Amino acid sequence: MSDESERRRKPEDKSWEDWVEEKIRKAQEEGLFNDLSGQGRPLPERRNPFLPEERQLAYDLLRDSGHTLPWIEEGREIDARLNRARQLLSRRYRWYLTERDRRPGHELLALEQVWRSYRQEFEEEVAVINASIHIYNLKVPTLSLHKHIILLEEEYERLYASSD
């Protein structure tokens, strides 16, 4: 066996605790712990206070590896999709208002049809988002994390109020 592999393996006559303590002591003597980032400051609190202790390790591993729980990612995707739909509708509504004010009367019927088609697209997208919300709400661990269904009346009220 090489010297390198012997240094990495725990000797059979030592306990794990003694062997680890010896490794730490040697590293300290060699200065391997000098100049660490955050030296002299307390470690940040990384525990999730809402998680049962038996799930904390799994949560830490997911977070530290850049992953998250599937339902959290799905919630973010729902929020992003809704924001994109709202932004598109808002841009289209501003365009519609601008065109309505500058077009002659005989072109307004065609403009209204375009605006109706934009609203129809938005309503179809909201239906897809609401279906995603129903599935998401089945997956989340608690009612307090449920997302509310998107109500078209409220969406249009928000849109029209923002353009006043």
N, C-alpha and C. Protein backbone atom coordinates (compact mmCIF):
# COMPACT_ATOMS: atom_id res chain seq x y z
N MET A 1 0.84 -1.17 0.00
CA MET A 1 0.00 0.00 0.00
C MET A 1 0.89 1.24 0.00
N SER A 2 0.51 2.30 -0.76
CA SER A 2 1.34 3.50 -0.84
C SER A 2 1.15 4.36 0.40
N ASP A 3 2.12 5.27 0.62
CA ASP A 3 2.03 6.19 1.76
C ASP A 3 0.77 7.06 1.66
N GLU A 4 0.45 7.47 0.42
CA GLU A 4 -0.72 8.33 0.21
C GLU A 4 -2.00 7.63 0.64
N SER A 5 -2.19 6.38 0.25
CA SER A 5 -3.43 5.68 0.60
C SER A 5 -3.46 5.36 2.10
N GLU A 6 -2.27 5.15 2.69
CA GLU A 6 -2.24 4.90 4.14
C GLU A 6 -2.65 6.14 4.92
N ARG A 7 -2.28 7.34 4.41
CA ARG A 7 -2.64 8.57 5.11
C ARG A 7 -4.14 8.83 5.02
N ARG A 8 -4.78 8.36 3.98
CA ARG A 8 -6.20 8.60 3.78
C ARG A 8 -7.07 7.58 4.50
N ARG A 9 -6.55 6.45 4.81
CA ARG A 9 -7.34 5.39 5.45
C ARG A 9 -7.23 5.49 6.96
N LYS A 10 -8.30 5.23 7.62
CA LYS A 10 -8.31 5.24 9.08
C LYS A 10 -7.61 3.98 9.58
N PRO A 11 -6.63 4.17 10.45
CA PRO A 11 -5.99 2.99 11.05
C PRO A 11 -7.00 2.20 11.88
N GLU A 12 -6.87 0.90 11.86
CA GLU A 12 -7.84 0.05 12.55
C GLU A 12 -7.81 0.24 14.07
N ASP A 13 -6.66 0.67 14.61
CA ASP A 13 -6.55 0.80 16.06
C ASP A 13 -7.05 2.15 16.58
N LYS A 14 -7.57 3.04 15.69
CA LYS A 14 -8.08 4.35 16.12
C LYS A 14 -9.58 4.42 15.87
N SER A 15 -10.24 5.17 16.73
CA SER A 15 -11.67 5.42 16.50
C SER A 15 -11.80 6.48 15.41
N TRP A 16 -12.95 6.55 14.81
CA TRP A 16 -13.20 7.57 13.79
C TRP A 16 -13.00 8.96 14.37
N GLU A 17 -13.52 9.18 15.56
CA GLU A 17 -13.42 10.49 16.20
C GLU A 17 -11.97 10.90 16.40
N ASP A 18 -11.14 9.98 16.94
CA ASP A 18 -9.72 10.29 17.16
C ASP A 18 -9.00 10.54 15.85
N TRP A 19 -9.31 9.76 14.83
CA TRP A 19 -8.63 9.89 13.55
C TRP A 19 -8.97 11.24 12.88
N VAL A 20 -10.26 11.62 12.93
CA VAL A 20 -10.68 12.90 12.35
C VAL A 20 -10.07 14.06 13.13
N GLU A 21 -10.09 13.98 14.44
CA GLU A 21 -9.49 15.03 15.26
C GLU A 21 -8.01 15.19 14.93
N GLU A 22 -7.30 14.09 14.74
CA GLU A 22 -5.89 14.14 14.38
C GLU A 22 -5.70 14.83 13.02
N LYS A 23 -6.54 14.50 12.07
CA LYS A 23 -6.47 15.14 10.74
C LYS A 23 -6.70 16.64 10.84
N ILE A 24 -7.67 17.03 11.63
CA ILE A 24 -7.97 18.46 11.80
C ILE A 24 -6.79 19.17 12.46
N ARG A 25 -6.25 18.57 13.50
CA ARG A 25 -5.11 19.15 14.20
C ARG A 25 -3.93 19.35 13.26
N LYS A 26 -3.63 18.33 12.44
CA LYS A 26 -2.53 18.43 11.48
C LYS A 26 -2.78 19.54 10.46
N ALA A 27 -4.00 19.65 9.99
CA ALA A 27 -4.33 20.69 9.02
C ALA A 27 -4.17 22.07 9.64
N GLN A 28 -4.56 22.22 10.91
CA GLN A 28 -4.39 23.49 11.60
C GLN A 28 -2.91 23.84 11.72
N GLU A 29 -2.09 22.84 12.11
CA GLU A 29 -0.65 23.07 12.26
C GLU A 29 -0.01 23.47 10.93
N GLU A 30 -0.50 22.92 9.84
CA GLU A 30 0.04 23.24 8.52
C GLU A 30 -0.53 24.55 7.96
N GLY A 31 -1.46 25.18 8.70
CA GLY A 31 -2.02 26.46 8.27
C GLY A 31 -3.08 26.35 7.19
N LEU A 32 -3.64 25.19 7.03
CA LEU A 32 -4.63 25.01 5.98
C LEU A 32 -5.95 25.73 6.27
N PHE A 33 -6.17 26.15 7.49
CA PHE A 33 -7.39 26.86 7.83
C PHE A 33 -7.18 28.37 7.90
N ASN A 34 -5.97 28.84 7.59
CA ASN A 34 -5.70 30.28 7.60
C ASN A 34 -6.31 30.92 6.36
N ASP A 35 -6.69 32.15 6.46
CA ASP A 35 -7.20 32.94 5.33
C ASP A 35 -8.45 32.36 4.68
N LEU A 36 -9.30 31.75 5.47
CA LEU A 36 -10.57 31.27 4.93
C LEU A 36 -11.53 32.45 4.79
N SER A 37 -12.37 32.43 3.76
CA SER A 37 -13.34 33.51 3.61
C SER A 37 -14.31 33.48 4.79
N GLY A 38 -14.64 34.64 5.29
CA GLY A 38 -15.55 34.73 6.41
C GLY A 38 -14.90 34.45 7.76
N GLN A 39 -13.57 34.37 7.79
CA GLN A 39 -12.86 34.05 9.03
C GLN A 39 -13.19 35.08 10.10
N GLY A 40 -13.48 34.61 11.29
CA GLY A 40 -13.79 35.48 12.42
C GLY A 40 -15.25 35.89 12.50
N ARG A 41 -16.04 35.51 11.52
CA ARG A 41 -17.46 35.84 11.54
C ARG A 41 -18.27 34.57 11.77
N PRO A 42 -19.47 34.72 12.36
CA PRO A 42 -20.29 33.52 12.57
C PRO A 42 -20.75 32.93 11.24
N LEU A 43 -20.96 31.65 11.23
CA LEU A 43 -21.48 31.00 10.03
C LEU A 43 -22.91 31.46 9.78
N PRO A 44 -23.30 31.63 8.52
CA PRO A 44 -24.68 32.07 8.26
C PRO A 44 -25.66 30.97 8.66
N GLU A 45 -26.82 31.41 9.14
CA GLU A 45 -27.87 30.46 9.51
C GLU A 45 -28.49 29.94 8.22
N ARG A 46 -28.34 28.67 7.97
CA ARG A 46 -28.82 28.09 6.73
C ARG A 46 -29.94 27.10 6.96
N ARG A 47 -30.35 26.94 8.16
CA ARG A 47 -31.40 25.97 8.45
C ARG A 47 -32.75 26.53 8.01
N ASN A 48 -33.59 25.67 7.52
CA ASN A 48 -34.94 26.05 7.16
C ASN A 48 -35.81 25.79 8.39
N PRO A 49 -36.31 26.83 9.03
CA PRO A 49 -37.06 26.63 10.28
C PRO A 49 -38.41 25.95 10.08
N PHE A 50 -38.87 25.87 8.85
CA PHE A 50 -40.18 25.27 8.57
C PHE A 50 -40.08 23.79 8.22
N LEU A 51 -38.87 23.28 8.16
CA LEU A 51 -38.66 21.90 7.74
C LEU A 51 -38.45 21.00 8.96
N PRO A 52 -39.05 19.84 8.97
CA PRO A 52 -38.77 18.89 10.06
C PRO A 52 -37.28 18.52 10.02
N GLU A 53 -36.71 18.29 11.15
CA GLU A 53 -35.28 18.00 11.25
C GLU A 53 -34.86 16.82 10.37
N GLU A 54 -35.71 15.81 10.25
CA GLU A 54 -35.34 14.64 9.46
C GLU A 54 -35.27 14.94 7.95
N ARG A 55 -35.82 16.07 7.51
CA ARG A 55 -35.76 16.45 6.09
C ARG A 55 -34.69 17.50 5.82
N GLN A 56 -34.08 18.03 6.85
CA GLN A 56 -33.15 19.14 6.71
C GLN A 56 -31.93 18.76 5.86
N LEU A 57 -31.37 17.58 6.06
CA LEU A 57 -30.18 17.17 5.30
C LEU A 57 -30.49 17.10 3.81
N ALA A 58 -31.62 16.51 3.47
CA ALA A 58 -32.00 16.41 2.06
C ALA A 58 -32.20 17.81 1.46
N TYR A 59 -32.82 18.69 2.22
CA TYR A 59 -33.01 20.07 1.77
C TYR A 59 -31.66 20.75 1.55
N ASP A 60 -30.74 20.59 2.50
CA ASP A 60 -29.41 21.21 2.38
C ASP A 60 -28.68 20.69 1.15
N LEU A 61 -28.76 19.38 0.91
CA LEU A 61 -28.08 18.80 -0.26
C LEU A 61 -28.65 19.35 -1.56
N LEU A 62 -29.97 19.43 -1.65
CA LEU A 62 -30.59 19.99 -2.85
C LEU A 62 -30.17 21.44 -3.05
N ARG A 63 -30.26 22.24 -2.02
CA ARG A 63 -29.94 23.67 -2.12
C ARG A 63 -28.47 23.86 -2.49
N ASP A 64 -27.59 23.14 -1.83
CA ASP A 64 -26.16 23.33 -2.07
C ASP A 64 -25.74 22.85 -3.45
N SER A 65 -26.48 21.95 -4.04
CA SER A 65 -26.14 21.47 -5.37
C SER A 65 -26.83 22.30 -6.46
N GLY A 66 -27.55 23.34 -6.06
CA GLY A 66 -28.21 24.21 -7.04
C GLY A 66 -29.57 23.71 -7.47
N HIS A 67 -30.07 22.69 -6.82
CA HIS A 67 -31.38 22.14 -7.16
C HIS A 67 -32.41 22.61 -6.15
N THR A 68 -33.64 22.36 -6.47
CA THR A 68 -34.71 22.67 -5.54
C THR A 68 -35.76 21.57 -5.65
N LEU A 69 -36.72 21.62 -4.80
CA LEU A 69 -37.80 20.64 -4.86
C LEU A 69 -38.61 20.87 -6.13
N PRO A 70 -39.10 19.81 -6.74
CA PRO A 70 -39.82 19.97 -8.01
C PRO A 70 -41.00 20.93 -7.93
N TRP A 71 -41.76 20.90 -6.86
CA TRP A 71 -42.92 21.77 -6.78
C TRP A 71 -42.52 23.23 -6.65
N ILE A 72 -41.36 23.52 -6.07
CA ILE A 72 -40.90 24.90 -5.98
C ILE A 72 -40.55 25.40 -7.38
N GLU A 73 -39.85 24.59 -8.14
CA GLU A 73 -39.51 24.96 -9.51
C GLU A 73 -40.77 25.13 -10.36
N GLU A 74 -41.74 24.26 -10.18
CA GLU A 74 -43.00 24.38 -10.93
C GLU A 74 -43.71 25.69 -10.57
N GLY A 75 -43.67 26.07 -9.31
CA GLY A 75 -44.28 27.33 -8.89
C GLY A 75 -43.60 28.52 -9.55
N ARG A 76 -42.28 28.47 -9.65
CA ARG A 76 -41.55 29.55 -10.32
C ARG A 76 -41.91 29.61 -11.80
N GLU A 77 -42.05 28.45 -12.42
CA GLU A 77 -42.42 28.42 -13.85
C GLU A 77 -43.82 28.99 -14.06
N ILE A 78 -44.74 28.68 -13.16
CA ILE A 78 -46.09 29.22 -13.26
C ILE A 78 -46.05 30.74 -13.14
N ASP A 79 -45.32 31.25 -12.16
CA ASP A 79 -45.21 32.70 -11.97
C ASP A 79 -44.60 33.37 -13.20
N ALA A 80 -43.56 32.77 -13.74
CA ALA A 80 -42.90 33.36 -14.92
C ALA A 80 -43.85 33.35 -16.12
N ARG A 81 -44.56 32.27 -16.30
CA ARG A 81 -45.49 32.17 -17.43
C ARG A 81 -46.60 33.21 -17.31
N LEU A 82 -47.13 33.38 -16.10
CA LEU A 82 -48.18 34.37 -15.88
C LEU A 82 -47.64 35.78 -16.13
N ASN A 83 -46.44 36.06 -15.67
CA ASN A 83 -45.85 37.38 -15.89
C ASN A 83 -45.66 37.66 -17.38
N ARG A 84 -45.20 36.65 -18.13
CA ARG A 84 -45.03 36.84 -19.58
C ARG A 84 -46.38 37.12 -20.25
N ALA A 85 -47.40 36.37 -19.86
CA ALA A 85 -48.73 36.58 -20.44
C ALA A 85 -49.26 37.98 -20.11
N ARG A 86 -49.08 38.42 -18.88
CA ARG A 86 -49.54 39.75 -18.49
C ARG A 86 -48.78 40.84 -19.25
N GLN A 87 -47.48 40.68 -19.38
CA GLN A 87 -46.69 41.68 -20.09
C GLN A 87 -47.09 41.77 -21.56
N LEU A 88 -47.30 40.62 -22.19
CA LEU A 88 -47.72 40.62 -23.58
C LEU A 88 -49.08 41.29 -23.74
N LEU A 89 -50.01 40.96 -22.88
CA LEU A 89 -51.34 41.58 -22.95
C LEU A 89 -51.23 43.09 -22.73
N SER A 90 -50.40 43.51 -21.80
CA SER A 90 -50.23 44.93 -21.52
C SER A 90 -49.66 45.67 -22.73
N ARG A 91 -48.64 45.09 -23.37
CA ARG A 91 -48.07 45.71 -24.57
C ARG A 91 -49.12 45.80 -25.67
N ARG A 92 -49.87 44.74 -25.85
CA ARG A 92 -50.90 44.72 -26.89
C ARG A 92 -52.01 45.73 -26.59
N TYR A 93 -52.34 45.88 -25.31
CA TYR A 93 -53.40 46.83 -24.95
C TYR A 93 -52.94 48.26 -25.21
N ARG A 94 -51.69 48.56 -24.86
CA ARG A 94 -51.16 49.90 -25.12
C ARG A 94 -51.17 50.18 -26.63
N TRP A 95 -50.79 49.18 -27.42
CA TRP A 95 -50.82 49.32 -28.88
C TRP A 95 -52.25 49.58 -29.35
N TYR A 96 -53.18 48.79 -28.82
CA TYR A 96 -54.59 48.93 -29.19
C TYR A 96 -55.09 50.34 -28.89
N LEU A 97 -54.79 50.86 -27.70
CA LEU A 97 -55.24 52.21 -27.34
C LEU A 97 -54.64 53.27 -28.26
N THR A 98 -53.37 53.12 -28.57
CA THR A 98 -52.71 54.07 -29.47
C THR A 98 -53.35 54.04 -30.85
N GLU A 99 -53.55 52.84 -31.36
CA GLU A 99 -54.15 52.70 -32.70
C GLU A 99 -55.59 53.18 -32.72
N ARG A 100 -56.33 52.94 -31.66
CA ARG A 100 -57.73 53.35 -31.60
C ARG A 100 -57.86 54.87 -31.68
N ASP A 101 -56.89 55.55 -31.04
CA ASP A 101 -56.95 57.01 -31.02
C ASP A 101 -56.52 57.64 -32.35
N ARG A 102 -55.75 56.92 -33.16
CA ARG A 102 -55.25 57.55 -34.37
C ARG A 102 -55.87 57.03 -35.67
N ARG A 103 -56.61 55.95 -35.59
CA ARG A 103 -57.22 55.39 -36.81
C ARG A 103 -58.56 56.04 -37.10
N PRO A 104 -58.90 56.09 -38.38
CA PRO A 104 -60.23 56.62 -38.74
C PRO A 104 -61.32 55.62 -38.36
N GLY A 105 -62.53 56.10 -38.22
CA GLY A 105 -63.66 55.31 -37.75
C GLY A 105 -63.92 54.04 -38.54
N HIS A 106 -63.73 54.06 -39.84
CA HIS A 106 -64.04 52.87 -40.64
C HIS A 106 -63.04 51.72 -40.40
N GLU A 107 -61.89 51.99 -39.75
CA GLU A 107 -60.91 50.94 -39.46
C GLU A 107 -61.05 50.37 -38.04
N LEU A 108 -61.94 50.98 -37.25
CA LEU A 108 -62.06 50.57 -35.85
C LEU A 108 -62.63 49.17 -35.68
N LEU A 109 -63.49 48.74 -36.57
CA LEU A 109 -64.06 47.40 -36.46
C LEU A 109 -62.96 46.34 -36.60
N ALA A 110 -62.09 46.53 -37.56
CA ALA A 110 -60.97 45.59 -37.75
C ALA A 110 -60.03 45.62 -36.53
N LEU A 111 -59.81 46.81 -36.01
CA LEU A 111 -58.96 46.94 -34.82
C LEU A 111 -59.58 46.22 -33.63
N GLU A 112 -60.88 46.35 -33.46
CA GLU A 112 -61.58 45.66 -32.37
C GLU A 112 -61.45 44.15 -32.51
N GLN A 113 -61.50 43.66 -33.72
CA GLN A 113 -61.35 42.21 -33.95
C GLN A 113 -59.94 41.75 -33.57
N VAL A 114 -58.94 42.56 -33.88
CA VAL A 114 -57.57 42.21 -33.49
C VAL A 114 -57.47 42.19 -31.97
N TRP A 115 -58.02 43.21 -31.32
CA TRP A 115 -57.97 43.25 -29.85
C TRP A 115 -58.71 42.06 -29.24
N ARG A 116 -59.84 41.67 -29.82
CA ARG A 116 -60.56 40.48 -29.34
C ARG A 116 -59.70 39.22 -29.48
N SER A 117 -58.99 39.12 -30.59
CA SER A 117 -58.13 37.93 -30.78
C SER A 117 -56.99 37.92 -29.77
N TYR A 118 -56.47 39.10 -29.44
CA TYR A 118 -55.41 39.18 -28.41
C TYR A 118 -55.96 38.74 -27.05
N ARG A 119 -57.16 39.20 -26.72
CA ARG A 119 -57.78 38.80 -25.46
C ARG A 119 -58.04 37.30 -25.44
N GLN A 120 -58.50 36.74 -26.56
CA GLN A 120 -58.76 35.31 -26.65
C GLN A 120 -57.48 34.52 -26.40
N GLU A 121 -56.36 34.95 -26.98
CA GLU A 121 -55.06 34.29 -26.75
C GLU A 121 -54.70 34.34 -25.27
N PHE A 122 -54.91 35.51 -24.65
CA PHE A 122 -54.61 35.65 -23.23
C PHE A 122 -55.48 34.72 -22.40
N GLU A 123 -56.75 34.64 -22.71
CA GLU A 123 -57.67 33.80 -21.96
C GLU A 123 -57.31 32.32 -22.10
N GLU A 124 -56.87 31.92 -23.29
CA GLU A 124 -56.42 30.54 -23.48
C GLU A 124 -55.16 30.26 -22.66
N GLU A 125 -54.25 31.21 -22.62
CA GLU A 125 -53.03 31.05 -21.83
C GLU A 125 -53.36 30.97 -20.34
N VAL A 126 -54.29 31.79 -19.88
CA VAL A 126 -54.70 31.75 -18.47
C VAL A 126 -55.34 30.40 -18.15
N ALA A 127 -56.09 29.83 -19.07
CA ALA A 127 -56.69 28.51 -18.83
C ALA A 127 -55.59 27.46 -18.65
N VAL A 128 -54.54 27.53 -19.45
CA VAL A 128 -53.40 26.60 -19.31
C VAL A 128 -52.70 26.83 -17.97
N ILE A 129 -52.49 28.09 -17.61
CA ILE A 129 -51.84 28.42 -16.34
C ILE A 129 -52.69 27.92 -15.18
N ASN A 130 -54.00 28.13 -15.24
CA ASN A 130 -54.88 27.66 -14.17
C ASN A 130 -54.83 26.14 -14.03
N ALA A 131 -54.74 25.43 -15.14
CA ALA A 131 -54.61 23.97 -15.07
C ALA A 131 -53.30 23.60 -14.36
N SER A 132 -52.24 24.33 -14.65
CA SER A 132 -50.96 24.11 -13.98
C SER A 132 -51.06 24.41 -12.49
N ILE A 133 -51.81 25.44 -12.15
CA ILE A 133 -51.99 25.80 -10.74
C ILE A 133 -52.75 24.70 -10.00
N HIS A 134 -53.75 24.13 -10.63
CA HIS A 134 -54.50 23.02 -9.99
C HIS A 134 -53.55 21.86 -9.67
N ILE A 135 -52.70 21.50 -10.61
CA ILE A 135 -51.75 20.40 -10.41
C ILE A 135 -50.73 20.78 -9.35
N TYR A 136 -50.22 22.01 -9.42
CA TYR A 136 -49.25 22.50 -8.44
C TYR A 136 -49.83 22.42 -7.03
N ASN A 137 -51.08 22.86 -6.87
CA ASN A 137 -51.70 22.87 -5.54
C ASN A 137 -51.86 21.47 -4.96
N LEU A 138 -51.92 20.46 -5.82
CA LEU A 138 -51.98 19.08 -5.33
C LEU A 138 -50.63 18.61 -4.79
N LYS A 139 -49.55 19.24 -5.25
CA LYS A 139 -48.20 18.80 -4.89
C LYS A 139 -47.61 19.50 -3.68
N VAL A 140 -48.02 20.73 -3.43
CA VAL A 140 -47.39 21.48 -2.34
C VAL A 140 -47.77 20.88 -1.00
N PRO A 141 -46.86 20.96 -0.02
CA PRO A 141 -47.09 20.26 1.25
C PRO A 141 -48.08 20.92 2.19
N THR A 142 -48.46 22.17 1.93
CA THR A 142 -49.36 22.83 2.86
C THR A 142 -50.27 23.81 2.12
N LEU A 143 -51.46 24.04 2.66
CA LEU A 143 -52.42 24.94 2.03
C LEU A 143 -51.90 26.36 1.92
N SER A 144 -51.06 26.77 2.84
CA SER A 144 -50.56 28.15 2.81
C SER A 144 -49.68 28.42 1.59
N LEU A 145 -49.23 27.37 0.92
CA LEU A 145 -48.39 27.53 -0.27
C LEU A 145 -49.19 27.45 -1.57
N HIS A 146 -50.49 27.21 -1.46
CA HIS A 146 -51.33 27.12 -2.66
C HIS A 146 -51.31 28.44 -3.42
N LYS A 147 -51.41 28.34 -4.73
CA LYS A 147 -51.54 29.51 -5.59
C LYS A 147 -53.03 29.70 -5.90
N HIS A 148 -53.43 30.95 -6.01
CA HIS A 148 -54.81 31.25 -6.35
C HIS A 148 -55.02 31.11 -7.85
N ILE A 149 -56.19 30.65 -8.21
CA ILE A 149 -56.57 30.57 -9.61
C ILE A 149 -56.64 31.99 -10.17
N ILE A 150 -56.23 32.15 -11.41
CA ILE A 150 -56.23 33.46 -12.05
C ILE A 150 -57.64 33.75 -12.56
N LEU A 151 -58.19 34.85 -12.12
CA LEU A 151 -59.54 35.26 -12.52
C LEU A 151 -59.42 36.31 -13.61
N LEU A 152 -60.07 36.04 -14.74
CA LEU A 152 -59.96 36.95 -15.88
C LEU A 152 -60.48 38.34 -15.56
N GLU A 153 -61.58 38.42 -14.84
CA GLU A 153 -62.14 39.73 -14.47
C GLU A 153 -61.10 40.58 -13.75
N GLU A 154 -60.40 39.97 -12.80
CA GLU A 154 -59.38 40.70 -12.05
C GLU A 154 -58.20 41.09 -12.94
N GLU A 155 -57.85 40.22 -13.87
CA GLU A 155 -56.75 40.53 -14.79
C GLU A 155 -57.11 41.73 -15.67
N TYR A 156 -58.33 41.75 -16.18
CA TYR A 156 -58.73 42.87 -17.02
C TYR A 156 -58.88 44.16 -16.20
N GLU A 157 -59.38 44.05 -14.98
CA GLU A 157 -59.46 45.23 -14.11
C GLU A 157 -58.08 45.81 -13.87
N ARG A 158 -57.11 44.95 -13.60
CA ARG A 158 -55.73 45.39 -13.38
C ARG A 158 -55.18 46.07 -14.64
N LEU A 159 -55.45 45.45 -15.77
CA LEU A 159 -54.97 46.00 -17.04
C LEU A 159 -55.56 47.39 -17.31
N TYR A 160 -56.87 47.49 -17.18
CA TYR A 160 -57.52 48.76 -17.48
C TYR A 160 -57.15 49.84 -16.46
N ALA A 161 -56.96 49.46 -15.21
CA ALA A 161 -56.57 50.43 -14.19
C ALA A 161 -55.14 50.94 -14.42
N SER A 162 -54.28 50.08 -14.95
CA SER A 162 -52.89 50.50 -15.16
C SER A 162 -52.76 51.45 -16.35
N SER A 163 -53.75 51.51 -17.20
CA SER A 163 -53.66 52.38 -18.37
C SER A 163 -54.33 53.73 -18.16
N ASP A 164 -54.98 53.92 -17.01
CA ASP A 164 -55.66 55.20 -16.72
C ASP A 164 -54.68 56.31 -16.50
